[in-house]
Protein backbone atom coordinates (compact mmCIF):
# COMPACT_ATOMS: atom_id res chain seq x y z
CA MET A 1 -23.76 -68.40 -78.10
CA ILE A 2 -23.99 -70.03 -74.37
CA LYS A 3 -20.51 -68.54 -73.86
CA LYS A 4 -20.85 -65.09 -74.84
CA LEU A 5 -24.08 -65.10 -72.53
CA ASP A 6 -21.84 -66.09 -69.77
CA LYS A 7 -19.10 -63.36 -70.55
CA LEU A 8 -21.74 -60.63 -70.89
CA ILE A 9 -23.65 -61.65 -67.18
CA LEU A 10 -20.33 -61.49 -65.60
CA LYS A 11 -18.51 -58.40 -67.27
CA SER A 12 -22.21 -56.51 -66.14
CA PHE A 13 -21.78 -58.27 -63.03
CA LEU A 14 -17.64 -57.66 -62.22
CA GLY A 15 -17.81 -53.66 -62.80
CA PRO A 16 -21.05 -53.05 -60.23
CA PHE A 17 -19.52 -55.47 -57.62
CA VAL A 18 -15.84 -53.43 -57.73
CA VAL A 19 -17.45 -50.42 -57.86
CA THR A 20 -20.04 -51.17 -54.62
CA PHE A 21 -17.05 -53.61 -52.50
CA PHE A 22 -15.13 -50.13 -52.29
CA ILE A 23 -17.78 -47.85 -51.99
CA ALA A 24 -18.93 -49.67 -48.72
CA TYR A 25 -15.43 -50.93 -47.55
CA PHE A 26 -14.64 -46.82 -47.50
CA VAL A 27 -17.90 -46.05 -45.72
CA LEU A 28 -17.12 -49.19 -42.88
CA MET A 29 -13.88 -47.91 -42.60
CA MET A 30 -15.12 -44.26 -41.77
CA GLN A 31 -17.03 -45.80 -39.30
CA SER A 32 -14.53 -47.18 -37.24
CA LEU A 33 -12.53 -43.92 -37.93
CA TRP A 34 -15.09 -41.98 -36.48
CA LYS A 35 -15.32 -44.59 -33.92
CA TYR A 36 -11.60 -44.69 -32.71
CA ILE A 37 -11.06 -40.85 -33.43
CA ASP A 38 -11.08 -39.68 -29.68
CA ASP A 39 -7.85 -42.59 -28.99
CA LEU A 40 -6.27 -41.31 -31.60
CA VAL A 41 -6.60 -37.52 -31.70
CA GLY A 42 -3.89 -35.38 -29.41
CA LYS A 43 -1.74 -38.28 -29.39
CA GLY A 44 1.50 -37.27 -31.19
CA LEU A 45 0.62 -40.17 -33.79
CA ASP A 46 3.11 -40.46 -36.96
CA PHE A 47 0.78 -41.21 -40.32
CA ALA A 48 2.71 -44.34 -40.52
CA THR A 49 1.07 -45.84 -37.04
CA ILE A 50 -2.28 -43.87 -38.01
CA GLY A 51 -2.09 -46.22 -41.31
CA LEU A 52 -1.43 -49.07 -39.80
CA PHE A 53 -4.17 -48.51 -37.44
CA LEU A 54 -6.65 -48.17 -39.66
CA TRP A 55 -5.10 -51.45 -41.74
CA TYR A 56 -5.77 -53.49 -39.21
CA VAL A 57 -9.29 -52.11 -38.40
CA SER A 58 -9.89 -52.68 -41.81
CA ALA A 59 -9.44 -56.00 -42.32
CA SER A 60 -12.36 -57.40 -40.31
CA LEU A 61 -14.52 -55.27 -42.53
CA LEU A 62 -14.50 -57.13 -44.96
CA THR A 63 -16.86 -59.94 -44.14
CA LEU A 64 -19.47 -57.02 -43.95
CA ALA A 65 -18.46 -55.20 -47.43
CA MET A 66 -18.48 -58.29 -49.21
CA PRO A 67 -22.10 -59.40 -48.47
CA ILE A 68 -23.32 -56.17 -48.88
CA ALA A 69 -21.41 -55.49 -52.47
CA ILE A 70 -22.36 -58.91 -53.51
CA LEU A 71 -26.64 -57.82 -52.93
CA ILE A 72 -26.25 -54.28 -54.46
CA SER A 73 -24.23 -55.46 -57.68
CA SER A 74 -26.62 -58.38 -58.53
CA ILE A 75 -29.66 -56.17 -58.31
CA MET A 76 -27.76 -53.62 -60.61
CA THR A 77 -26.60 -56.10 -62.94
CA PHE A 78 -30.16 -57.81 -63.21
CA GLY A 79 -32.09 -54.24 -63.44
CA ASN A 80 -30.04 -53.12 -65.80
CA LEU A 81 -30.97 -55.61 -67.79
CA GLY A 82 -34.01 -55.94 -67.12
CA GLU A 83 -33.75 -52.28 -68.40
CA SER A 84 -32.45 -52.49 -71.73
CA PHE A 85 -34.86 -55.70 -72.03
CA GLU A 86 -31.90 -57.37 -72.62
CA LEU A 87 -33.03 -60.38 -69.88
CA VAL A 88 -35.90 -60.69 -71.66
CA ALA A 89 -34.76 -60.93 -75.28
CA ILE A 90 -32.64 -63.87 -73.45
CA LYS A 91 -35.84 -65.67 -71.63
CA SER A 92 -37.82 -65.23 -74.98
CA SER A 93 -34.71 -67.49 -76.48
CA GLY A 94 -35.81 -70.25 -74.63
CA ILE A 95 -32.78 -69.92 -71.52
CA SER A 96 -34.15 -70.15 -68.33
CA LEU A 97 -33.13 -67.52 -65.08
CA LEU A 98 -31.45 -70.48 -63.03
CA ARG A 99 -28.95 -71.00 -66.86
CA PHE A 100 -28.80 -67.03 -67.11
CA MET A 101 -27.61 -67.06 -63.16
CA ARG A 102 -25.26 -70.27 -63.13
CA PRO A 103 -21.97 -68.20 -63.63
CA LEU A 104 -22.61 -65.28 -61.54
CA ILE A 105 -23.79 -69.03 -58.90
CA VAL A 106 -20.13 -69.48 -59.49
CA VAL A 107 -18.98 -66.42 -58.83
CA ALA A 108 -20.73 -66.05 -55.36
CA ILE A 109 -19.31 -69.25 -54.34
CA LEU A 110 -16.18 -68.41 -54.63
CA LEU A 111 -16.49 -64.90 -53.20
CA SER A 112 -18.15 -67.11 -49.96
CA GLY A 113 -15.14 -69.44 -50.03
CA VAL A 114 -12.82 -66.15 -50.36
CA THR A 115 -14.57 -64.80 -47.47
CA PHE A 116 -14.40 -67.96 -45.09
CA LEU A 117 -10.70 -67.59 -45.54
CA PHE A 118 -10.19 -64.26 -44.99
CA ALA A 119 -12.54 -64.70 -41.81
CA ASN A 120 -10.72 -68.09 -40.95
CA TYR A 121 -6.97 -66.63 -41.78
CA VAL A 122 -6.56 -62.92 -42.07
CA ILE A 123 -8.59 -61.57 -39.52
CA PRO A 124 -7.67 -63.66 -36.34
CA TYR A 125 -3.75 -61.72 -37.31
CA ALA A 126 -5.51 -58.68 -38.11
CA ASN A 127 -7.22 -58.88 -34.65
CA LEU A 128 -4.19 -59.97 -33.07
CA LYS A 129 -2.28 -56.93 -34.33
CA PHE A 130 -5.08 -54.42 -33.92
CA VAL A 131 -5.74 -55.20 -30.16
CA THR A 132 -1.84 -55.01 -29.62
CA LEU A 133 -1.22 -51.59 -31.15
CA TYR A 134 -4.80 -50.25 -29.97
CA ASN A 135 -3.94 -50.87 -26.24
CA ASP A 136 -0.39 -49.15 -27.13
CA ILE A 137 -2.00 -46.35 -28.31
CA TYR A 138 -5.14 -45.71 -25.64
CA TYR A 139 -2.87 -45.78 -22.79
CA LYS A 140 -0.66 -43.52 -24.61
CA LYS A 141 -0.55 -39.84 -23.23
CA PRO A 142 -1.66 -36.90 -25.02
CA ALA A 143 1.91 -35.62 -26.97
CA PHE A 144 3.49 -32.75 -25.20
CA ASP A 145 1.54 -29.56 -25.81
CA LEU A 146 2.17 -26.73 -23.05
CA LYS A 147 -0.38 -24.16 -23.20
CA GLU A 148 -0.09 -20.48 -21.65
CA GLY A 149 -2.00 -20.28 -18.44
CA VAL A 150 -2.92 -24.29 -18.33
CA PHE A 151 -1.17 -26.93 -16.07
CA PHE A 152 0.22 -29.65 -18.04
CA THR A 153 -0.29 -32.49 -15.97
CA HIS A 154 0.55 -35.86 -18.24
CA ILE A 155 4.11 -36.26 -16.69
CA PRO A 156 3.60 -38.25 -13.89
CA ARG A 157 4.48 -36.75 -10.70
CA TYR A 158 4.49 -33.00 -12.45
CA ALA A 159 2.46 -30.51 -12.83
CA ILE A 160 3.44 -27.63 -15.46
CA LYS A 161 2.30 -23.81 -15.92
CA VAL A 162 3.61 -21.22 -17.82
CA GLN A 163 1.97 -17.38 -17.95
CA LYS A 164 3.36 -16.52 -21.45
CA LYS A 165 5.65 -18.17 -24.60
CA ASP A 166 7.37 -16.33 -26.79
CA PRO A 167 6.65 -16.66 -31.11
CA ASP A 168 9.81 -19.32 -30.66
CA GLY A 169 8.39 -21.68 -28.76
CA LYS A 170 11.34 -22.23 -26.71
CA THR A 171 11.33 -18.95 -24.54
CA ILE A 172 8.83 -19.17 -21.24
CA HIS A 173 7.70 -16.82 -18.98
CA ASN A 174 6.29 -16.79 -15.11
CA VAL A 175 6.93 -20.70 -15.06
CA LEU A 176 5.33 -22.80 -12.30
CA ILE A 177 6.33 -26.22 -11.57
CA TYR A 178 4.52 -28.71 -8.99
CA GLU A 179 6.23 -32.15 -8.00
CA GLN A 180 5.35 -34.53 -5.90
CA ASP A 181 8.73 -36.05 -4.40
CA ASN A 182 7.00 -37.14 -1.17
CA THR A 183 3.29 -37.63 0.76
CA LEU A 184 4.29 -34.60 2.94
CA GLN A 185 2.93 -32.07 0.22
CA ASP A 186 4.52 -30.99 -3.04
CA ASN A 187 7.48 -29.13 -3.71
CA CYS A 188 7.33 -26.10 -5.64
CA ILE A 189 9.61 -24.16 -8.53
CA VAL A 190 9.15 -20.98 -9.33
CA ALA A 191 11.07 -18.51 -11.82
CA GLU A 192 11.24 -15.78 -14.02
CA LYS A 193 11.60 -16.93 -17.48
CA GLY A 194 12.84 -20.16 -18.85
CA VAL A 195 14.41 -22.23 -22.14
CA MET A 196 12.69 -25.61 -22.96
CA LYS A 197 13.47 -27.46 -24.99
CA ILE A 198 13.52 -31.53 -26.04
CA SER A 199 17.06 -34.05 -25.50
CA ASP A 200 17.49 -35.19 -29.64
CA ASP A 201 16.75 -38.93 -28.81
CA LYS A 202 13.34 -37.32 -27.82
CA ARG A 203 13.42 -39.21 -24.27
CA PHE A 204 13.67 -35.84 -21.71
CA LEU A 205 12.00 -32.63 -21.71
CA GLU A 206 14.69 -30.03 -20.75
CA PHE A 207 13.98 -26.92 -18.65
CA ASN A 208 16.62 -23.93 -18.10
CA LEU A 209 15.42 -21.61 -15.94
CA GLU A 210 16.76 -18.00 -14.51
CA ASN A 211 15.82 -16.00 -11.12
CA GLY A 212 13.82 -17.92 -9.40
CA TYR A 213 13.29 -20.14 -6.17
CA ARG A 214 12.56 -23.74 -5.11
CA TYR A 215 10.44 -24.07 -2.30
CA GLN A 216 10.57 -27.75 -0.52
CA GLU A 217 9.58 -29.36 2.99
CA ARG A 218 11.09 -32.19 4.68
CA GLY A 219 10.07 -34.43 7.64
CA ASN A 220 7.02 -37.31 7.47
CA SER A 221 3.55 -36.99 8.09
CA LEU A 222 4.03 -38.55 11.48
CA ASP A 223 6.64 -35.38 12.58
CA THR A 224 4.80 -32.53 13.17
CA ALA A 225 8.61 -30.34 13.32
CA THR A 226 9.35 -30.46 9.81
CA GLU A 227 12.12 -28.80 7.66
CA PHE A 228 11.29 -25.91 5.22
CA ILE A 229 13.87 -25.11 2.56
CA ARG A 230 13.73 -21.57 -0.01
CA LEU A 231 16.70 -21.99 -2.50
CA GLY A 232 16.77 -19.05 -4.40
CA PHE A 233 18.39 -19.63 -8.31
CA SER A 234 19.95 -17.55 -10.77
CA SER A 235 20.24 -20.53 -13.67
CA PHE A 236 18.30 -23.66 -12.36
CA LYS A 237 18.10 -26.56 -15.18
CA LYS A 238 15.03 -29.27 -14.70
CA LEU A 239 14.99 -32.78 -17.03
CA PHE A 240 11.76 -34.20 -17.53
CA ASP A 241 11.42 -37.84 -18.22
CA LEU A 242 9.07 -38.02 -21.27
CA SER A 243 8.93 -42.14 -21.52
CA SER A 244 5.49 -41.76 -20.66
CA LEU A 245 4.61 -39.99 -23.27
CA GLN A 246 6.03 -43.01 -25.78
CA LYS A 247 4.04 -45.59 -27.52
CA GLN A 248 4.86 -48.55 -25.96
CA ASN A 249 5.32 -51.73 -28.23
CA THR A 250 3.47 -54.33 -26.33
CA ASN A 251 4.36 -58.41 -27.35
CA ASP A 252 0.76 -59.52 -29.26
CA SER A 253 1.46 -62.71 -27.14
CA ILE A 254 -0.52 -61.97 -24.26
CA TYR A 255 -3.54 -61.65 -26.82
CA ARG A 256 -3.38 -64.80 -28.53
CA THR A 257 -5.27 -66.91 -26.47
CA ASN A 258 -8.45 -64.57 -27.17
CA TYR A 259 -11.53 -65.92 -29.01
CA LYS A 260 -11.22 -63.26 -31.33
CA MET A 261 -7.27 -64.77 -32.55
CA LEU A 262 -8.50 -68.02 -32.82
CA SER A 263 -8.78 -70.05 -36.44
CA VAL A 264 -11.42 -72.80 -36.75
CA LYS A 265 -8.85 -75.75 -36.07
CA GLN A 266 -7.67 -73.15 -33.25
CA LEU A 267 -11.11 -72.65 -31.66
CA ASN A 268 -12.27 -76.28 -31.85
CA HIS A 269 -9.03 -77.25 -30.13
CA SER A 270 -9.85 -74.15 -27.14
CA ILE A 271 -13.24 -75.27 -26.81
CA ASP A 272 -12.06 -79.42 -26.16
CA SER A 273 -9.58 -77.80 -23.64
CA ILE A 274 -12.47 -75.75 -21.75
CA LYS A 275 -14.58 -78.64 -21.71
CA ARG A 276 -12.13 -80.67 -19.77
CA ILE A 277 -11.58 -78.43 -17.69
CA ASP A 278 -15.26 -78.31 -17.17
CA ASP A 279 -15.48 -82.19 -16.14
CA SER A 280 -12.37 -82.09 -13.92
CA LEU A 281 -14.11 -79.49 -11.74
CA SER A 282 -16.89 -81.53 -11.64
CA LYS A 283 -14.85 -84.58 -10.88
CA LYS A 284 -13.13 -82.42 -8.25
CA LEU A 285 -16.71 -81.33 -6.73
CA ASN A 286 -18.09 -84.45 -6.53
CA LEU A 287 -14.63 -85.85 -4.64
CA GLU A 288 -15.32 -83.00 -2.10
CA ILE A 289 -18.84 -83.73 -1.59
CA VAL A 290 -18.16 -87.46 -0.97
CA SER A 291 -15.38 -86.41 1.49
CA TYR A 292 -17.24 -84.51 3.78
CA MET A 293 -20.67 -87.14 3.39
CA HIS A 294 -18.95 -89.94 4.98
CA HIS A 295 -22.29 -92.41 4.84
CA PHE A 296 -21.69 -92.52 0.84
CA ASN A 297 -18.05 -94.43 1.50
CA ILE A 298 -20.35 -97.18 3.30
CA PRO A 299 -19.63 -100.30 1.03
CA ASP A 300 -23.00 -101.68 -0.38
CA SER A 301 -22.01 -104.95 2.34
CA ILE A 302 -22.10 -103.12 5.13
CA ARG A 303 -25.83 -101.42 3.92
CA LYS A 304 -27.03 -104.86 3.53
CA LYS A 305 -26.55 -105.89 7.13
CA VAL A 306 -27.81 -103.05 8.71
CA PRO A 307 -31.48 -104.15 10.02
CA VAL A 308 -34.32 -102.03 8.69
CA MET A 309 -36.89 -99.97 10.83
CA SER A 310 -40.27 -101.02 11.36
CA LYS A 311 -41.01 -98.31 13.57
CA ALA A 312 -40.51 -94.13 12.67
CA PRO A 313 -37.18 -93.12 12.87
CA LEU A 314 -35.65 -91.69 16.37
CA LYS A 315 -34.96 -87.62 16.67
CA LEU A 316 -31.64 -86.99 16.62
CA ASP A 317 -31.11 -85.41 19.70
CA ARG A 318 -32.06 -88.96 21.32
CA LEU A 319 -29.16 -90.37 19.30
CA ILE A 320 -26.09 -88.30 20.09
CA PRO A 321 -25.11 -88.49 24.04
CA ASP A 322 -25.33 -85.17 25.70
CA SER A 323 -21.58 -84.28 25.81
CA LEU A 324 -21.24 -84.74 22.42
CA ARG A 325 -23.96 -82.86 21.25
CA LEU A 326 -22.19 -79.56 20.70
CA ASN A 327 -19.43 -80.90 19.26
CA VAL A 328 -21.71 -82.87 16.45
CA TYR A 329 -23.59 -79.44 15.67
CA ASN A 330 -20.25 -77.50 15.62
CA ASP A 331 -19.07 -80.01 13.22
CA ALA A 332 -22.58 -79.99 11.12
CA ILE A 333 -22.33 -76.14 10.51
CA SER A 334 -18.41 -76.39 9.96
CA ILE A 335 -18.85 -79.15 7.01
CA ALA A 336 -22.29 -76.99 5.87
CA SER A 337 -20.38 -73.68 5.55
CA ASN A 338 -17.52 -75.57 3.64
CA LEU A 339 -19.26 -77.42 0.88
CA ARG A 340 -21.13 -74.03 0.39
CA PHE A 341 -17.98 -72.79 -0.19
CA SER A 342 -17.06 -75.28 -2.53
CA PHE A 343 -20.20 -75.28 -4.49
CA GLN A 344 -20.29 -71.11 -4.86
CA ASN A 345 -16.32 -71.39 -6.37
CA THR A 346 -16.70 -74.47 -8.36
CA GLY A 347 -20.20 -73.25 -9.62
CA THR A 348 -18.29 -69.75 -10.66
CA GLU A 349 -15.98 -71.23 -12.09
CA ILE A 350 -17.99 -73.63 -14.41
CA ASP A 351 -20.03 -70.40 -15.15
CA THR A 352 -16.54 -68.95 -16.50
CA HIS A 353 -16.08 -71.49 -18.85
CA LEU A 354 -19.47 -72.22 -20.18
CA TYR A 355 -19.18 -68.26 -20.97
CA ASP A 356 -15.46 -68.44 -22.46
CA ILE A 357 -17.14 -71.86 -24.65
CA ARG A 358 -20.43 -69.84 -25.43
CA TYR A 359 -18.10 -67.22 -27.04
CA HIS A 360 -16.09 -69.40 -28.68
CA ASN A 361 -19.11 -70.58 -30.22
CA ILE A 362 -19.96 -67.71 -31.50
CA GLU A 363 -16.93 -67.07 -33.41
CA TRP A 364 -16.49 -70.03 -34.70
CA HIS A 365 -20.03 -69.96 -36.13
CA ARG A 366 -19.56 -66.42 -37.31
CA LYS A 367 -16.65 -67.63 -39.81
CA PHE A 368 -19.10 -69.92 -41.14
CA SER A 369 -22.44 -67.81 -40.98
CA LEU A 370 -21.19 -64.20 -42.93
CA SER A 371 -19.47 -66.55 -45.33
CA MET A 372 -22.98 -68.36 -46.02
CA ALA A 373 -24.94 -64.79 -46.52
CA CYS A 374 -23.10 -63.99 -49.29
CA LEU A 375 -24.27 -66.58 -51.38
CA VAL A 376 -27.96 -65.84 -49.40
CA LEU A 377 -27.96 -62.81 -50.65
CA PHE A 378 -26.94 -62.97 -53.78
CA PHE A 379 -29.90 -65.24 -54.17
CA ILE A 380 -32.01 -61.79 -52.96
CA GLY A 381 -29.99 -59.28 -55.30
CA ALA A 382 -30.33 -61.37 -58.51
CA PRO A 383 -33.84 -62.28 -58.51
CA LEU A 384 -34.76 -58.82 -57.32
CA GLY A 385 -33.14 -56.78 -59.97
CA SER A 386 -34.75 -59.13 -62.45
CA ILE A 387 -37.72 -58.15 -61.10
CA ILE A 388 -37.70 -54.44 -60.20
CA ARG A 389 -36.00 -54.04 -63.76
CA LYS A 390 -34.03 -50.83 -62.87
CA GLY A 391 -30.66 -50.15 -62.97
CA GLY A 392 -28.56 -47.72 -61.89
CA LEU A 393 -28.52 -46.76 -57.99
CA GLY A 394 -31.97 -45.47 -57.62
CA MET A 395 -34.09 -48.21 -57.01
CA PRO A 396 -31.72 -51.24 -56.52
CA LEU A 397 -30.23 -49.40 -53.42
CA VAL A 398 -32.61 -48.73 -52.05
CA VAL A 399 -34.20 -52.12 -51.70
CA ALA A 400 -30.57 -53.27 -51.12
CA ILE A 401 -29.78 -51.14 -47.77
CA ILE A 402 -33.10 -52.30 -46.76
CA PHE A 403 -32.09 -56.05 -46.80
CA PHE A 404 -28.80 -55.56 -45.74
CA LEU A 405 -30.36 -53.69 -42.73
CA ILE A 406 -32.87 -56.95 -42.38
CA PHE A 407 -29.70 -58.90 -42.39
CA HIS A 408 -27.27 -57.01 -40.08
CA LEU A 409 -30.09 -56.57 -37.41
CA LEU A 410 -30.82 -60.30 -37.18
CA ASN A 411 -27.20 -61.15 -37.09
CA MET A 412 -27.10 -58.51 -34.15
CA PHE A 413 -29.83 -60.33 -32.21
CA GLY A 414 -29.28 -63.63 -32.46
CA GLU A 415 -25.56 -62.68 -31.61
CA LYS A 416 -27.51 -60.81 -28.58
CA PHE A 417 -29.25 -63.80 -27.61
CA VAL A 418 -26.31 -66.08 -27.90
CA LYS A 419 -24.47 -64.18 -25.64
CA GLU A 420 -27.51 -64.02 -23.12
CA GLY A 421 -28.12 -67.57 -23.51
CA LEU A 422 -31.50 -67.03 -24.70
CA ALA A 423 -30.75 -68.64 -27.96
CA SER A 424 -27.89 -71.77 -28.65
CA PRO A 425 -25.06 -70.51 -31.03
CA LEU A 426 -26.69 -72.66 -33.83
CA ILE A 427 -29.63 -71.02 -34.04
CA GLY A 428 -28.80 -67.65 -32.85
CA MET A 429 -25.32 -66.93 -35.27
CA TRP A 430 -27.21 -68.69 -38.37
CA LEU A 431 -30.68 -66.52 -37.36
CA ALA A 432 -30.05 -63.86 -40.24
CA VAL A 433 -29.69 -67.19 -42.69
CA ILE A 434 -32.09 -69.00 -41.43
CA VAL A 435 -34.89 -66.27 -42.26
CA LEU A 436 -33.37 -64.82 -45.24
CA ILE A 437 -33.17 -68.51 -46.97
CA PRO A 438 -37.51 -68.69 -47.52
CA VAL A 439 -36.95 -65.40 -48.96
CA GLY A 440 -34.27 -65.90 -51.44
CA ILE A 441 -36.53 -69.07 -53.08
CA PHE A 442 -39.69 -67.06 -52.90
CA LEU A 443 -38.19 -64.37 -54.85
CA THR A 444 -36.30 -66.73 -57.22
CA TYR A 445 -39.72 -68.82 -57.97
CA LYS A 446 -41.28 -65.24 -58.00
CA ALA A 447 -38.56 -63.83 -61.01
CA MET A 448 -38.79 -67.56 -62.80
CA HIS A 449 -42.28 -67.50 -63.35
CA ASP A 450 -41.97 -63.46 -64.62
CA SER A 451 -43.73 -62.22 -61.48
CA GLN A 452 -44.80 -58.55 -61.25
CA LEU A 453 -44.25 -58.42 -57.18
CA PHE A 454 -43.40 -54.77 -57.56
CA SER A 455 -45.09 -53.55 -60.79
CA LYS A 456 -47.54 -50.71 -60.12
CA GLU A 457 -49.94 -51.58 -62.59
CA PHE A 458 -50.49 -54.79 -60.99
CA TYR A 459 -51.02 -53.80 -57.76
CA TYR A 460 -53.55 -50.90 -59.47
CA ARG A 461 -55.28 -53.53 -61.40
CA SER A 462 -56.05 -56.10 -58.18
CA PHE A 463 -57.10 -52.66 -56.67
CA ASN A 464 -59.84 -51.89 -59.02
CA LYS A 465 -60.89 -55.75 -59.22
CA ILE A 466 -61.47 -55.71 -55.38
CA ARG A 467 -62.95 -52.45 -55.68
CA LEU A 468 -65.52 -53.58 -58.80
CA LEU A 469 -66.40 -57.05 -56.25
CA LEU A 470 -67.19 -54.77 -53.65
CA SER A 471 -69.65 -52.92 -55.51
CA THR A 472 -70.93 -55.78 -56.49
CA PHE A 473 -72.24 -56.80 -52.98
CA ASN A 474 -73.06 -53.58 -51.91
CA LYS A 475 -75.69 -53.02 -54.68
CA PRO A 476 -79.32 -52.93 -53.84
CA LYS A 477 -80.92 -55.70 -55.59
CA SER A 478 -84.22 -54.90 -57.64
CA THR A 479 -87.74 -55.88 -56.10
CA ASN A 480 -90.24 -56.67 -58.12
CA VAL A 481 -93.49 -54.80 -57.42
CA PRO A 482 -96.65 -56.85 -58.33
CA ASP A 483 -99.86 -55.09 -60.25
C-alpha cells in the first residue's frame, strides 16, 4: 500500500516538474538572449559560435530554473491530487500529509544536492568559457558590409564609400577611400569603378580599381613646406587587412582567478590568501609608523629613568634652539606628509582587498543558499497545493510566481546589501531563505490541519459572523417606560 502511494506521488510530480523546468529554463534563456542580442547582431557569427554562447549562458540559469520548477510542480501535483479528492481519501485512511510528502522530500533533497554540485563545479567552468567568448565577440568589429553611399569605418585607418554596387555584389562605382598613414592629413583614392573580392583565406579584402587618382601629401606637421602628389592610374590594386574583423581566440587563463570562476574549495583558498595580504599590509603600515615615530623605539628601561615633570610642560618653541627650529618644522611636515601618504595608499589597498573578500563570500554563500532554496520552496509549494486544491496552470501558476518573485527580490536585495557593506554575507545571501522558512513551516502546519486558508466560503462565513457581531453591539437597547 505504502509503495503504491510513493509511486503515485512520484509519478504525479515528475511530469509537471520536467515540463515546468524546461519552460522556466527556456524563458530565462530567452531573457539572456535579449540581454546580449545587441552584442551578437551584425558580427557575422556562425551558428556554432552563437549556439556555444547560448550554451555557456544557460549553464548559470539552472540555479534559478530549478527552484521555480520545484515550486510550480509541487503546487500542481498536490493541487491535482486535492482537486480529484485523492488527497482526501489518503488522509481519511490515516496517512499523514508529511508521510505522503516523504518521497518528494527525498527528491527535493536530491535536486538541492544536484543544484549545489552544478553551482560548484559546472557553473564556474561555464562562466569562465562564457566570459572569454563574450569578450572576443564584444571586441570583434561588425562583419564587412559595404553599403551604397555610407562610409565603412570598421577597418582601422580606412574609411571606404561606394556610390553604387551592381547586383553581382562585386562591381562597385564611384569609389572613395580615405587612408590615414600619417598625422599630417588623410591620403585619398578616387576611382570611377572597381571590383572587390575577399581572399581565399578570408584575411584580405582586395579592390581592383580603374580610372582614378591617388592624392598624397608628404611632410611633417612642423614643416610648412610639404609635398603634394597626385597620381593618376588606369588600374590600381588595393589590399585591406581584415584581421581586425575576425573573432579573437583569447586564452581563458586570464580570467581564472575571478571569484565567479571558483569552486567552494578555491574560494576558501582565495579568501585566506587575501586575508594574509591584509595582515601583511597592516604589519607594514605599523613598521612605517614606528620608523617615523622614534619615541616609540625608546626602551622601557630608559623611559623609567626619565624624571616626571611636576610643573606644566614647556612649549616646543622654548625647547628647540632658534637655529634648528626651521629644520625641525620642515622635518615634522615631511614626516606628517609621508605618514598621510602611507595611510592613504595602504588604506586603499586594504579597502580593495576587503571588497574582494566581500564578493568572494557572496559567491561562496550563493552556492549553498540557492541549493537550500529548492528545499524551502518545496515546503511552500506542497502545502499550498494541498490547501488550494486546484490543478492545472491557473491559480497554482499565479501563486507560484508570486512566491518566486518574493524569493527573487529578497535574494537581490540581500546581495545588494552585502555589496554595499550594509549586511554580512551570512545575513544578506540567506535573507530569502530566512524569510521563507517560517512561511513554509506555517503553510505546512495549516495543510496538516486541513486549513481553509484559501477558501472563499471560509472568509465569507467569517465576514458574516463579524457583521452580525457588530450589528448586535450597534442595536439600541429597549427602555422600560413606567406606567
